[in-house]
Amino acid sequence: MINSCKMSDSKEQEKEDMKKDDHIVDNAGLNMSGHILIRDKESGEELINKRNAIHYGNMARIVALALNNGLNASKSVESTNSFINSMAFGNGGSSVDTSGKVLYKTPRVSEAYEASANLYNNTYSKEIDDNQVAPDDNKIEIITGASYTDIKITVTLAYNEPSGQSVFDDSTNNEGDYIFDELGLFTESNIMLTHVIFHPVQKSQNRVIEIIYTVRVQLS
């Protein structure tokens, strides 16, 4: 009789525990936001300071691959897809109408996975390599805050890059290859993770341009 009572009490306790579990939220939202700062490294003049768009479909796949050690659904290694490798620059993000007004296109991002996603007109790309001679010029840092983690990417375009640029930043041709109005972060396999469009900025031999691109990751 005593054992029967104990079993009954135990079952009742299990039911109560299950009810409590029903109220536990085990789903977490992954929030990402990006910010870009482009400036003349020598003078400190800010050229662009704005937020960017995240390609959530591609970013979600990259996060899943990273958590699965770079393995895809068929257990094939895709580790080259699961980390930021380069920053690409383009000149197809804006146009000028007959009155001289700059018109901006919509960033090419989606909530679906798109392996072919790209800038409107990709004209230059630079790998982000911490192992080069001047690592402070091109690097990725992980900065942990109270409720978030920042991925801070620093890329510098020196006086001599890109090859073929104009000598001075006085061009009136907004369609030049190195008059940038868009850029994005890419994996080694050219999966686009972010896209930002901005007022045209000319890269020329007479100045060094520094880009500080921050992607903030939060769970909610």
N, C-alpha and C. Protein backbone atom coordinates (compact mmCIF):
# COMPACT_ATOMS: atom_id res chain seq x y z
N MET A 1 0.83 -1.20 0.00
CA MET A 1 0.00 0.00 0.00
C MET A 1 0.87 1.26 0.00
N ILE A 2 1.94 1.19 0.79
CA ILE A 2 2.86 2.33 0.88
C ILE A 2 3.55 2.54 -0.46
N ASN A 3 4.03 1.43 -1.11
CA ASN A 3 4.70 1.51 -2.41
C ASN A 3 3.78 2.08 -3.47
N SER A 4 2.49 1.67 -3.43
CA SER A 4 1.51 2.15 -4.40
C SER A 4 1.31 3.66 -4.27
N CYS A 5 1.29 4.15 -3.05
CA CYS A 5 1.14 5.59 -2.82
C CYS A 5 2.35 6.36 -3.33
N LYS A 6 3.54 5.78 -3.11
CA LYS A 6 4.77 6.44 -3.57
C LYS A 6 4.79 6.53 -5.09
N MET A 7 4.36 5.43 -5.79
CA MET A 7 4.32 5.44 -7.25
C MET A 7 3.34 6.47 -7.76
N SER A 8 2.19 6.57 -7.09
CA SER A 8 1.18 7.54 -7.49
C SER A 8 1.70 8.96 -7.34
N ASP A 9 2.37 9.21 -6.22
CA ASP A 9 2.95 10.54 -5.98
C ASP A 9 4.00 10.88 -7.04
N SER A 10 4.79 9.86 -7.42
CA SER A 10 5.85 10.06 -8.40
C SER A 10 5.27 10.43 -9.76
N LYS A 11 4.19 9.75 -10.15
CA LYS A 11 3.55 10.05 -11.43
C LYS A 11 2.97 11.46 -11.45
N GLU A 12 2.36 11.83 -10.32
CA GLU A 12 1.80 13.17 -10.22
C GLU A 12 2.89 14.24 -10.36
N GLN A 13 4.06 13.94 -9.75
CA GLN A 13 5.17 14.88 -9.82
C GLN A 13 5.67 15.00 -11.26
N GLU A 14 5.71 13.85 -11.99
CA GLU A 14 6.14 13.87 -13.38
C GLU A 14 5.21 14.74 -14.23
N LYS A 15 3.91 14.62 -13.98
CA LYS A 15 2.93 15.42 -14.71
C LYS A 15 3.16 16.92 -14.45
N GLU A 16 3.41 17.26 -13.18
CA GLU A 16 3.65 18.66 -12.84
C GLU A 16 4.90 19.19 -13.53
N ASP A 17 5.96 18.32 -13.56
CA ASP A 17 7.20 18.72 -14.22
C ASP A 17 6.99 18.95 -15.72
N MET A 18 6.18 18.09 -16.35
CA MET A 18 5.90 18.22 -17.77
C MET A 18 5.14 19.51 -18.07
N LYS A 19 4.22 19.86 -17.17
CA LYS A 19 3.48 21.10 -17.35
C LYS A 19 4.42 22.30 -17.30
N LYS A 20 5.39 22.24 -16.38
CA LYS A 20 6.36 23.32 -16.27
C LYS A 20 7.20 23.42 -17.54
N ASP A 21 7.58 22.24 -18.09
CA ASP A 21 8.39 22.21 -19.31
C ASP A 21 7.67 22.85 -20.49
N ASP A 22 6.33 22.74 -20.48
CA ASP A 22 5.55 23.32 -21.58
C ASP A 22 5.74 24.82 -21.68
N HIS A 23 6.12 25.44 -20.57
CA HIS A 23 6.26 26.89 -20.55
C HIS A 23 7.70 27.33 -20.83
N ILE A 24 8.60 26.37 -20.97
CA ILE A 24 10.00 26.71 -21.23
C ILE A 24 10.18 26.97 -22.72
N VAL A 25 10.74 28.13 -23.08
CA VAL A 25 10.98 28.47 -24.48
C VAL A 25 12.39 28.00 -24.85
N ASP A 26 12.48 27.02 -25.76
CA ASP A 26 13.79 26.50 -26.12
C ASP A 26 14.18 26.93 -27.54
N ASN A 27 13.48 27.93 -28.06
CA ASN A 27 13.83 28.48 -29.37
C ASN A 27 14.50 29.83 -29.17
N ALA A 28 15.61 30.03 -29.87
CA ALA A 28 16.32 31.30 -29.77
C ALA A 28 16.43 31.92 -31.15
N GLY A 29 16.18 33.21 -31.23
CA GLY A 29 16.32 33.92 -32.49
C GLY A 29 17.74 34.43 -32.66
N LEU A 30 18.31 34.21 -33.85
CA LEU A 30 19.65 34.69 -34.13
C LEU A 30 19.54 36.02 -34.88
N ASN A 31 19.93 37.09 -34.22
CA ASN A 31 19.85 38.42 -34.82
C ASN A 31 21.23 38.89 -35.24
N MET A 32 21.32 39.42 -36.46
CA MET A 32 22.57 39.97 -36.95
C MET A 32 22.33 41.34 -37.54
N SER A 33 23.22 42.22 -37.28
CA SER A 33 23.15 43.56 -37.86
C SER A 33 24.57 43.98 -38.24
N GLY A 34 24.66 44.82 -39.25
CA GLY A 34 25.98 45.22 -39.71
C GLY A 34 26.14 46.72 -39.82
N HIS A 35 27.37 47.17 -39.67
CA HIS A 35 27.67 48.60 -39.78
C HIS A 35 29.00 48.75 -40.51
N ILE A 36 29.06 49.75 -41.38
CA ILE A 36 30.27 49.96 -42.16
C ILE A 36 30.77 51.39 -42.02
N LEU A 37 32.07 51.52 -41.81
CA LEU A 37 32.73 52.83 -41.75
C LEU A 37 33.85 52.83 -42.79
N ILE A 38 33.78 53.76 -43.73
CA ILE A 38 34.85 53.92 -44.72
C ILE A 38 35.46 55.30 -44.50
N ARG A 39 36.79 55.34 -44.38
CA ARG A 39 37.45 56.62 -44.13
C ARG A 39 38.81 56.69 -44.79
N ASP A 40 39.26 57.90 -45.00
CA ASP A 40 40.62 58.15 -45.48
C ASP A 40 41.55 57.87 -44.29
N LYS A 41 42.42 56.89 -44.44
CA LYS A 41 43.23 56.47 -43.29
C LYS A 41 44.23 57.53 -42.86
N GLU A 42 44.70 58.33 -43.80
CA GLU A 42 45.70 59.34 -43.47
C GLU A 42 45.08 60.56 -42.79
N SER A 43 43.99 61.05 -43.34
CA SER A 43 43.37 62.27 -42.81
C SER A 43 42.32 61.98 -41.74
N GLY A 44 41.78 60.77 -41.74
CA GLY A 44 40.73 60.43 -40.79
C GLY A 44 39.34 60.85 -41.26
N GLU A 45 39.24 61.45 -42.45
CA GLU A 45 37.95 61.91 -42.97
C GLU A 45 37.01 60.72 -43.19
N GLU A 46 35.80 60.81 -42.63
CA GLU A 46 34.80 59.76 -42.83
C GLU A 46 34.13 59.95 -44.18
N LEU A 47 34.16 58.90 -44.99
CA LEU A 47 33.55 58.96 -46.31
C LEU A 47 32.16 58.32 -46.31
N ILE A 48 32.03 57.20 -45.58
CA ILE A 48 30.75 56.50 -45.46
C ILE A 48 30.62 56.00 -44.02
N ASN A 49 29.42 56.16 -43.45
CA ASN A 49 29.14 55.67 -42.10
C ASN A 49 27.66 55.27 -42.07
N LYS A 50 27.38 53.98 -42.22
CA LYS A 50 26.00 53.55 -42.31
C LYS A 50 25.86 52.05 -41.98
N ARG A 51 24.60 51.62 -41.89
CA ARG A 51 24.31 50.21 -41.64
C ARG A 51 24.25 49.46 -42.96
N ASN A 52 24.36 48.12 -42.87
CA ASN A 52 24.31 47.31 -44.07
C ASN A 52 23.19 46.27 -44.01
N ALA A 53 23.02 45.53 -45.09
CA ALA A 53 22.01 44.48 -45.15
C ALA A 53 22.68 43.11 -45.05
N ILE A 54 22.07 42.21 -44.26
CA ILE A 54 22.57 40.84 -44.11
C ILE A 54 21.83 39.93 -45.07
N HIS A 55 22.54 39.05 -45.75
CA HIS A 55 21.90 38.02 -46.57
C HIS A 55 21.59 36.86 -45.62
N TYR A 56 20.39 36.88 -45.03
CA TYR A 56 20.05 35.93 -43.98
C TYR A 56 20.04 34.48 -44.47
N GLY A 57 19.60 34.26 -45.70
CA GLY A 57 19.58 32.89 -46.22
C GLY A 57 20.98 32.28 -46.27
N ASN A 58 21.93 33.04 -46.79
CA ASN A 58 23.30 32.55 -46.87
C ASN A 58 23.97 32.51 -45.50
N MET A 59 23.70 33.52 -44.67
CA MET A 59 24.31 33.57 -43.35
C MET A 59 23.83 32.40 -42.49
N ALA A 60 22.55 32.04 -42.59
CA ALA A 60 22.02 30.93 -41.81
C ALA A 60 22.74 29.63 -42.17
N ARG A 61 22.99 29.43 -43.45
CA ARG A 61 23.69 28.21 -43.88
C ARG A 61 25.12 28.19 -43.36
N ILE A 62 25.78 29.35 -43.40
CA ILE A 62 27.17 29.43 -42.94
C ILE A 62 27.25 29.13 -41.44
N VAL A 63 26.32 29.67 -40.67
CA VAL A 63 26.30 29.42 -39.22
C VAL A 63 26.09 27.94 -38.96
N ALA A 64 25.15 27.31 -39.69
CA ALA A 64 24.88 25.88 -39.50
C ALA A 64 26.11 25.05 -39.87
N LEU A 65 26.78 25.40 -40.96
CA LEU A 65 27.99 24.68 -41.36
C LEU A 65 29.09 24.81 -40.31
N ALA A 66 29.26 26.03 -39.80
CA ALA A 66 30.28 26.25 -38.79
C ALA A 66 30.02 25.41 -37.54
N LEU A 67 28.74 25.31 -37.13
CA LEU A 67 28.39 24.53 -35.94
C LEU A 67 28.52 23.03 -36.18
N ASN A 68 28.51 22.63 -37.46
CA ASN A 68 28.62 21.21 -37.81
C ASN A 68 30.00 20.88 -38.35
N ASN A 69 30.99 21.67 -37.96
CA ASN A 69 32.38 21.42 -38.34
C ASN A 69 32.57 21.43 -39.85
N GLY A 70 31.77 22.26 -40.54
CA GLY A 70 31.94 22.39 -41.99
C GLY A 70 31.32 21.28 -42.81
N LEU A 71 30.50 20.42 -42.22
CA LEU A 71 29.89 19.31 -42.96
C LEU A 71 28.49 19.68 -43.41
N ASN A 72 28.16 19.35 -44.68
CA ASN A 72 26.82 19.63 -45.17
C ASN A 72 25.91 18.42 -44.95
N ALA A 73 24.72 18.45 -45.55
CA ALA A 73 23.72 17.40 -45.31
C ALA A 73 24.21 16.02 -45.73
N SER A 74 25.02 15.96 -46.75
CA SER A 74 25.54 14.67 -47.22
C SER A 74 26.86 14.30 -46.56
N LYS A 75 27.21 15.05 -45.51
CA LYS A 75 28.44 14.82 -44.74
C LYS A 75 29.71 15.13 -45.53
N SER A 76 29.57 15.88 -46.61
CA SER A 76 30.74 16.31 -47.36
C SER A 76 31.29 17.58 -46.71
N VAL A 77 32.60 17.73 -46.74
CA VAL A 77 33.22 18.88 -46.09
C VAL A 77 32.98 20.15 -46.91
N GLU A 78 32.44 21.17 -46.26
CA GLU A 78 32.27 22.49 -46.89
C GLU A 78 32.90 23.54 -45.99
N SER A 79 34.00 23.19 -45.36
CA SER A 79 34.61 24.11 -44.39
C SER A 79 35.01 25.43 -45.03
N THR A 80 35.31 25.42 -46.35
CA THR A 80 35.69 26.66 -47.00
C THR A 80 34.52 27.60 -47.13
N ASN A 81 33.30 27.11 -46.88
CA ASN A 81 32.12 27.95 -46.97
C ASN A 81 31.76 28.60 -45.65
N SER A 82 32.39 28.17 -44.56
CA SER A 82 31.88 28.54 -43.24
C SER A 82 32.69 29.62 -42.53
N PHE A 83 33.38 30.47 -43.28
CA PHE A 83 34.05 31.59 -42.63
C PHE A 83 34.21 32.75 -43.62
N ILE A 84 34.33 33.95 -43.07
CA ILE A 84 34.52 35.15 -43.90
C ILE A 84 35.94 35.15 -44.44
N ASN A 85 36.06 35.33 -45.76
CA ASN A 85 37.36 35.24 -46.39
C ASN A 85 37.78 36.51 -47.13
N SER A 86 36.81 37.24 -47.67
CA SER A 86 37.18 38.41 -48.48
C SER A 86 36.12 39.50 -48.44
N MET A 87 36.54 40.69 -48.86
CA MET A 87 35.63 41.81 -49.02
C MET A 87 35.65 42.19 -50.50
N ALA A 88 34.46 42.26 -51.11
CA ALA A 88 34.37 42.59 -52.53
C ALA A 88 33.80 43.99 -52.70
N PHE A 89 34.28 44.67 -53.74
CA PHE A 89 33.86 46.05 -54.04
C PHE A 89 33.26 46.10 -55.44
N GLY A 90 32.26 46.96 -55.62
CA GLY A 90 31.64 47.08 -56.93
C GLY A 90 31.20 48.50 -57.23
N ASN A 91 30.73 48.72 -58.47
CA ASN A 91 30.31 50.06 -58.88
C ASN A 91 28.91 50.05 -59.50
N GLY A 92 28.10 49.03 -59.17
CA GLY A 92 26.77 48.94 -59.77
C GLY A 92 25.63 49.25 -58.84
N GLY A 93 25.91 49.82 -57.67
CA GLY A 93 24.87 50.03 -56.68
C GLY A 93 24.08 51.31 -56.82
N SER A 94 24.53 52.21 -57.69
CA SER A 94 23.83 53.49 -57.82
C SER A 94 23.93 54.00 -59.25
N SER A 95 23.12 55.00 -59.54
CA SER A 95 23.15 55.64 -60.86
C SER A 95 22.80 57.12 -60.66
N VAL A 96 23.03 57.92 -61.68
CA VAL A 96 22.74 59.35 -61.61
C VAL A 96 21.72 59.70 -62.68
N ASP A 97 20.62 60.35 -62.28
CA ASP A 97 19.60 60.70 -63.27
C ASP A 97 19.96 62.00 -63.99
N THR A 98 19.10 62.43 -64.88
CA THR A 98 19.41 63.60 -65.72
C THR A 98 19.54 64.90 -64.93
N SER A 99 18.96 64.93 -63.73
CA SER A 99 19.07 66.13 -62.90
C SER A 99 20.29 66.11 -62.00
N GLY A 100 21.04 65.02 -62.05
CA GLY A 100 22.24 64.90 -61.23
C GLY A 100 22.00 64.24 -59.89
N LYS A 101 20.79 63.75 -59.65
CA LYS A 101 20.47 63.09 -58.39
C LYS A 101 20.96 61.64 -58.40
N VAL A 102 21.57 61.22 -57.29
CA VAL A 102 22.07 59.84 -57.18
C VAL A 102 20.92 58.93 -56.74
N LEU A 103 20.71 57.88 -57.50
CA LEU A 103 19.66 56.90 -57.20
C LEU A 103 20.32 55.61 -56.71
N TYR A 104 19.82 55.07 -55.61
CA TYR A 104 20.43 53.88 -55.01
C TYR A 104 19.57 52.64 -55.23
N LYS A 105 20.20 51.55 -55.59
CA LYS A 105 19.49 50.28 -55.78
C LYS A 105 19.27 49.59 -54.44
N THR A 106 18.41 48.58 -54.44
CA THR A 106 18.14 47.80 -53.24
C THR A 106 19.22 46.73 -53.05
N PRO A 107 19.74 46.55 -51.84
CA PRO A 107 20.75 45.50 -51.61
C PRO A 107 20.23 44.13 -52.05
N ARG A 108 21.10 43.32 -52.60
CA ARG A 108 20.70 42.02 -53.15
C ARG A 108 20.81 40.94 -52.06
N VAL A 109 19.87 40.99 -51.14
CA VAL A 109 19.85 40.01 -50.05
C VAL A 109 18.51 39.29 -50.05
N SER A 110 18.47 38.15 -49.36
CA SER A 110 17.26 37.33 -49.34
C SER A 110 17.22 36.50 -48.08
N GLU A 111 16.04 35.97 -47.75
CA GLU A 111 15.91 35.04 -46.63
C GLU A 111 16.13 33.60 -47.09
N ALA A 112 16.28 33.40 -48.38
CA ALA A 112 16.54 32.06 -48.94
C ALA A 112 18.02 31.92 -49.27
N TYR A 113 18.52 30.70 -49.27
CA TYR A 113 19.92 30.44 -49.62
C TYR A 113 20.12 30.67 -51.12
N GLU A 114 21.11 31.47 -51.47
CA GLU A 114 21.41 31.78 -52.87
C GLU A 114 22.92 31.70 -53.09
N ALA A 115 23.37 30.58 -53.60
CA ALA A 115 24.80 30.40 -53.81
C ALA A 115 25.35 31.38 -54.84
N SER A 116 24.51 31.85 -55.75
CA SER A 116 24.96 32.74 -56.82
C SER A 116 24.82 34.21 -56.49
N ALA A 117 24.38 34.55 -55.29
CA ALA A 117 24.19 35.95 -54.92
C ALA A 117 25.51 36.73 -55.07
N ASN A 118 25.41 37.95 -55.58
CA ASN A 118 26.62 38.73 -55.81
C ASN A 118 26.28 40.22 -55.80
N LEU A 119 27.31 41.06 -55.86
CA LEU A 119 27.11 42.49 -56.01
C LEU A 119 26.50 42.75 -57.39
N TYR A 120 26.02 43.97 -57.61
CA TYR A 120 25.49 44.30 -58.93
C TYR A 120 26.58 44.25 -59.98
N ASN A 121 27.77 44.78 -59.62
CA ASN A 121 28.90 44.74 -60.56
C ASN A 121 30.19 44.67 -59.76
N ASN A 122 30.65 43.48 -59.51
CA ASN A 122 31.83 43.22 -58.70
C ASN A 122 33.09 43.54 -59.51
N THR A 123 33.86 44.56 -59.08
CA THR A 123 35.04 44.97 -59.85
C THR A 123 36.37 44.72 -59.14
N TYR A 124 36.32 44.43 -57.84
CA TYR A 124 37.57 44.21 -57.11
C TYR A 124 37.28 43.44 -55.83
N SER A 125 38.22 42.58 -55.45
CA SER A 125 38.06 41.79 -54.22
C SER A 125 39.40 41.69 -53.50
N LYS A 126 39.33 41.74 -52.18
CA LYS A 126 40.57 41.63 -51.40
C LYS A 126 40.38 40.61 -50.29
N GLU A 127 41.32 39.66 -50.22
CA GLU A 127 41.27 38.67 -49.15
C GLU A 127 41.64 39.32 -47.83
N ILE A 128 41.03 38.83 -46.76
CA ILE A 128 41.32 39.33 -45.41
C ILE A 128 42.29 38.35 -44.78
N ASP A 129 43.57 38.75 -44.71
CA ASP A 129 44.63 37.83 -44.31
C ASP A 129 45.35 38.36 -43.08
N ASP A 130 45.16 37.69 -41.94
CA ASP A 130 45.83 38.10 -40.71
C ASP A 130 47.32 37.78 -40.70
N ASN A 131 47.78 36.97 -41.65
CA ASN A 131 49.16 36.48 -41.61
C ASN A 131 50.11 37.28 -42.49
N GLN A 132 49.63 38.38 -43.07
CA GLN A 132 50.52 39.16 -43.91
C GLN A 132 51.43 40.05 -43.07
N VAL A 133 52.31 40.81 -43.76
CA VAL A 133 53.33 41.60 -43.07
C VAL A 133 52.71 42.63 -42.13
N ALA A 134 51.63 43.26 -42.55
CA ALA A 134 50.99 44.29 -41.72
C ALA A 134 49.59 43.82 -41.32
N PRO A 135 49.50 42.91 -40.35
CA PRO A 135 48.20 42.33 -40.00
C PRO A 135 47.19 43.33 -39.46
N ASP A 136 47.64 44.45 -38.91
CA ASP A 136 46.70 45.43 -38.38
C ASP A 136 45.90 46.11 -39.49
N ASP A 137 46.39 46.03 -40.72
CA ASP A 137 45.69 46.66 -41.84
C ASP A 137 44.55 45.81 -42.37
N ASN A 138 44.66 44.51 -42.22
CA ASN A 138 43.66 43.58 -42.74
C ASN A 138 43.49 42.44 -41.75
N LYS A 139 42.39 42.45 -41.01
CA LYS A 139 42.23 41.47 -39.94
C LYS A 139 40.77 41.29 -39.57
N ILE A 140 40.50 40.22 -38.85
CA ILE A 140 39.18 39.97 -38.28
C ILE A 140 39.35 39.80 -36.78
N GLU A 141 38.56 40.55 -36.02
CA GLU A 141 38.60 40.47 -34.57
C GLU A 141 37.24 40.03 -34.03
N ILE A 142 37.26 39.25 -32.96
CA ILE A 142 36.05 38.85 -32.26
C ILE A 142 35.99 39.63 -30.96
N ILE A 143 34.94 40.44 -30.80
CA ILE A 143 34.80 41.29 -29.61
C ILE A 143 33.52 40.89 -28.88
N THR A 144 33.65 40.43 -27.65
CA THR A 144 32.50 39.96 -26.88
C THR A 144 31.98 41.05 -25.96
N GLY A 145 30.69 41.35 -26.09
CA GLY A 145 30.05 42.34 -25.24
C GLY A 145 29.18 41.67 -24.19
N ALA A 146 28.38 42.45 -23.49
CA ALA A 146 27.54 41.92 -22.41
C ALA A 146 26.47 40.97 -22.94
N SER A 147 25.88 41.29 -24.09
CA SER A 147 24.80 40.47 -24.63
C SER A 147 24.94 40.22 -26.12
N TYR A 148 26.15 40.39 -26.64
CA TYR A 148 26.37 40.23 -28.08
C TYR A 148 27.84 39.88 -28.34
N THR A 149 28.11 39.48 -29.57
CA THR A 149 29.49 39.30 -30.02
C THR A 149 29.64 40.00 -31.36
N ASP A 150 30.67 40.82 -31.49
CA ASP A 150 30.93 41.54 -32.74
C ASP A 150 32.03 40.85 -33.54
N ILE A 151 31.80 40.75 -34.84
CA ILE A 151 32.85 40.35 -35.77
C ILE A 151 33.31 41.63 -36.44
N LYS A 152 34.50 42.07 -36.11
CA LYS A 152 35.02 43.35 -36.63
C LYS A 152 36.07 43.07 -37.71
N ILE A 153 35.75 43.47 -38.93
CA ILE A 153 36.64 43.23 -40.07
C ILE A 153 37.27 44.55 -40.49
N THR A 154 38.58 44.59 -40.55
CA THR A 154 39.30 45.78 -41.00
C THR A 154 40.02 45.46 -42.31
N VAL A 155 39.74 46.23 -43.33
CA VAL A 155 40.40 46.06 -44.63
C VAL A 155 40.95 47.40 -45.08
N THR A 156 42.18 47.41 -45.57
CA THR A 156 42.82 48.64 -46.01
C THR A 156 43.23 48.53 -47.48
N LEU A 157 42.86 49.53 -48.26
CA LEU A 157 43.30 49.62 -49.66
C LEU A 157 44.43 50.63 -49.71
N ALA A 158 45.64 50.14 -49.92
CA ALA A 158 46.84 50.98 -49.90
C ALA A 158 46.93 51.87 -51.13
N TYR A 159 47.96 52.70 -51.17
CA TYR A 159 48.13 53.62 -52.29
C TYR A 159 48.16 52.88 -53.63
N ASN A 160 48.79 51.70 -53.65
CA ASN A 160 49.00 51.00 -54.91
C ASN A 160 47.92 49.99 -55.28
N GLU A 161 46.80 49.99 -54.57
CA GLU A 161 45.75 49.04 -54.92
C GLU A 161 44.38 49.73 -54.97
N PRO A 162 43.57 49.30 -55.91
CA PRO A 162 43.76 48.25 -56.92
C PRO A 162 44.70 48.70 -58.04
N SER A 163 45.23 47.73 -58.76
CA SER A 163 46.07 48.03 -59.91
C SER A 163 45.21 48.64 -61.01
N GLY A 164 45.70 49.71 -61.63
CA GLY A 164 44.96 50.33 -62.73
C GLY A 164 44.08 51.48 -62.30
N GLN A 165 44.15 51.89 -61.05
CA GLN A 165 43.33 52.99 -60.56
C GLN A 165 43.86 54.33 -61.06
N SER A 166 43.03 55.36 -60.95
CA SER A 166 43.45 56.70 -61.36
C SER A 166 44.46 57.27 -60.37
N VAL A 167 45.20 58.28 -60.81
CA VAL A 167 46.21 58.90 -59.96
C VAL A 167 45.56 59.75 -58.88
N PHE A 168 44.51 60.51 -59.25
CA PHE A 168 43.85 61.41 -58.30
C PHE A 168 42.36 61.09 -58.21
N ASP A 169 41.76 61.46 -57.07
CA ASP A 169 40.34 61.17 -56.84
C ASP A 169 39.47 62.32 -57.34
N ASP A 170 39.62 62.64 -58.63
CA ASP A 170 38.88 63.75 -59.21
C ASP A 170 38.07 63.34 -60.44
N SER A 171 37.77 62.06 -60.54
CA SER A 171 37.04 61.58 -61.71
C SER A 171 35.59 62.07 -61.69
N THR A 172 35.06 62.35 -62.87
CA THR A 172 33.65 62.72 -63.00
C THR A 172 32.84 61.57 -63.62
N ASN A 173 33.50 60.44 -63.83
CA ASN A 173 32.85 59.27 -64.40
C ASN A 173 32.46 58.30 -63.29
N ASN A 174 31.19 58.32 -62.91
CA ASN A 174 30.74 57.47 -61.81
C ASN A 174 30.70 55.99 -62.16
N GLU A 175 30.98 55.65 -63.41
CA GLU A 175 30.95 54.26 -63.83
C GLU A 175 32.35 53.63 -63.86
N GLY A 176 33.35 54.35 -63.36
CA GLY A 176 34.69 53.80 -63.33
C GLY A 176 34.76 52.58 -62.43
N ASP A 177 35.62 51.63 -62.78
CA ASP A 177 35.72 50.37 -62.03
C ASP A 177 36.02 50.58 -60.56
N TYR A 178 36.78 51.61 -60.24
CA TYR A 178 37.21 51.80 -58.86
C TYR A 178 36.55 53.01 -58.19
N ILE A 179 35.39 53.39 -58.72
CA ILE A 179 34.53 54.34 -58.01
C ILE A 179 33.45 53.48 -57.36
N PHE A 180 33.72 53.09 -56.13
CA PHE A 180 32.90 52.09 -55.46
C PHE A 180 31.63 52.68 -54.86
N ASP A 181 30.51 51.96 -55.02
CA ASP A 181 29.26 52.35 -54.37
C ASP A 181 28.55 51.14 -53.76
N GLU A 182 29.26 50.03 -53.67
CA GLU A 182 28.71 48.82 -53.04
C GLU A 182 29.86 47.92 -52.61
N LEU A 183 29.62 47.16 -51.57
CA LEU A 183 30.60 46.14 -51.17
C LEU A 183 29.89 45.08 -50.33
N GLY A 184 30.58 43.96 -50.15
CA GLY A 184 30.01 42.86 -49.38
C GLY A 184 31.08 41.95 -48.85
N LEU A 185 30.70 41.13 -47.87
CA LEU A 185 31.59 40.13 -47.30
C LEU A 185 31.28 38.78 -47.95
N PHE A 186 32.33 38.03 -48.28
CA PHE A 186 32.18 36.76 -48.97
C PHE A 186 32.98 35.66 -48.28
N THR A 187 32.54 34.41 -48.47
CA THR A 187 33.32 33.26 -48.00
C THR A 187 34.35 32.91 -49.08
N GLU A 188 35.20 31.94 -48.79
CA GLU A 188 36.23 31.54 -49.76
C GLU A 188 35.62 30.96 -51.02
N SER A 189 34.42 30.40 -50.90
CA SER A 189 33.73 29.84 -52.06
C SER A 189 32.77 30.84 -52.69
N ASN A 190 32.99 32.12 -52.40
CA ASN A 190 32.22 33.21 -53.00
C ASN A 190 30.73 33.18 -52.66
N ILE A 191 30.40 32.81 -51.44
CA ILE A 191 29.03 32.93 -50.96
C ILE A 191 28.90 34.31 -50.31
N MET A 192 28.01 35.13 -50.83
CA MET A 192 27.86 36.50 -50.31
C MET A 192 27.05 36.50 -49.02
N LEU A 193 27.59 37.13 -47.98
CA LEU A 193 26.96 37.16 -46.67
C LEU A 193 26.31 38.49 -46.35
N THR A 194 26.84 39.58 -46.90
CA THR A 194 26.30 40.91 -46.63
C THR A 194 26.39 41.75 -47.89
N HIS A 195 25.61 42.82 -47.93
CA HIS A 195 25.66 43.74 -49.08
C HIS A 195 25.28 45.13 -48.59
N VAL A 196 26.07 46.10 -48.93
CA VAL A 196 25.78 47.48 -48.55
C VAL A 196 26.00 48.37 -49.78
N ILE A 197 25.10 49.33 -49.95
CA ILE A 197 25.16 50.28 -51.07
C ILE A 197 25.29 51.68 -50.49
N PHE A 198 26.13 52.51 -51.10
CA PHE A 198 26.42 53.82 -50.52
C PHE A 198 26.78 54.83 -51.61
N HIS A 199 26.95 56.07 -51.20
CA HIS A 199 27.34 57.14 -52.11
C HIS A 199 28.71 56.80 -52.71
N PRO A 200 28.89 56.99 -54.02
CA PRO A 200 30.15 56.61 -54.68
C PRO A 200 31.39 57.20 -54.02
N VAL A 201 32.40 56.34 -53.87
CA VAL A 201 33.70 56.73 -53.30
C VAL A 201 34.78 56.28 -54.27
N GLN A 202 35.63 57.20 -54.71
CA GLN A 202 36.69 56.83 -55.64
C GLN A 202 37.95 56.40 -54.90
N LYS A 203 38.49 55.25 -55.29
CA LYS A 203 39.80 54.82 -54.78
C LYS A 203 40.83 55.19 -55.83
N SER A 204 41.82 55.97 -55.42
CA SER A 204 42.86 56.43 -56.34
C SER A 204 44.22 56.35 -55.64
N GLN A 205 45.27 56.61 -56.41
CA GLN A 205 46.63 56.43 -55.90
C GLN A 205 47.02 57.46 -54.84
N ASN A 206 46.26 58.55 -54.72
CA ASN A 206 46.67 59.61 -53.80
C ASN A 206 46.09 59.45 -52.40
N ARG A 207 45.43 58.32 -52.10
CA ARG A 207 44.94 58.14 -50.74
C ARG A 207 44.78 56.67 -50.38
N VAL A 208 44.88 56.42 -49.08
CA VAL A 208 44.69 55.08 -48.51
C VAL A 208 43.30 55.06 -47.88
N ILE A 209 42.52 54.05 -48.21
CA ILE A 209 41.17 53.95 -47.67
C ILE A 209 41.08 52.76 -46.73
N GLU A 210 40.49 53.01 -45.58
CA GLU A 210 40.29 51.97 -44.57
C GLU A 210 38.79 51.69 -44.41
N ILE A 211 38.44 50.41 -44.43
CA ILE A 211 37.05 50.00 -44.23
C ILE A 211 36.97 49.20 -42.95
N ILE A 212 36.10 49.62 -42.04
CA ILE A 212 35.86 48.89 -40.80
C ILE A 212 34.42 48.39 -40.85
N TYR A 213 34.28 47.09 -40.97
CA TYR A 213 32.97 46.46 -41.18
C TYR A 213 32.67 45.61 -39.93
N THR A 214 31.60 45.95 -39.23
CA THR A 214 31.24 45.25 -38.00
C THR A 214 29.93 44.51 -38.17
N VAL A 215 29.93 43.21 -37.88
CA VAL A 215 28.71 42.40 -37.89
C VAL A 215 28.44 42.00 -36.44
N ARG A 216 27.30 42.42 -35.90
CA ARG A 216 26.94 42.10 -34.53
C ARG A 216 26.02 40.89 -34.49
N VAL A 217 26.35 39.93 -33.64
CA VAL A 217 25.58 38.69 -33.50
C VAL A 217 24.96 38.64 -32.11
N GLN A 218 23.64 38.45 -32.05
CA GLN A 218 22.93 38.37 -30.79
C GLN A 218 21.89 37.25 -30.83
N LEU A 219 21.66 36.64 -29.68
CA LEU A 219 20.58 35.67 -29.54
C LEU A 219 19.44 36.31 -28.75
N SER A 220 18.20 36.05 -29.16
CA SER A 220 17.07 36.62 -28.44
C SER A 220 15.96 35.57 -28.30
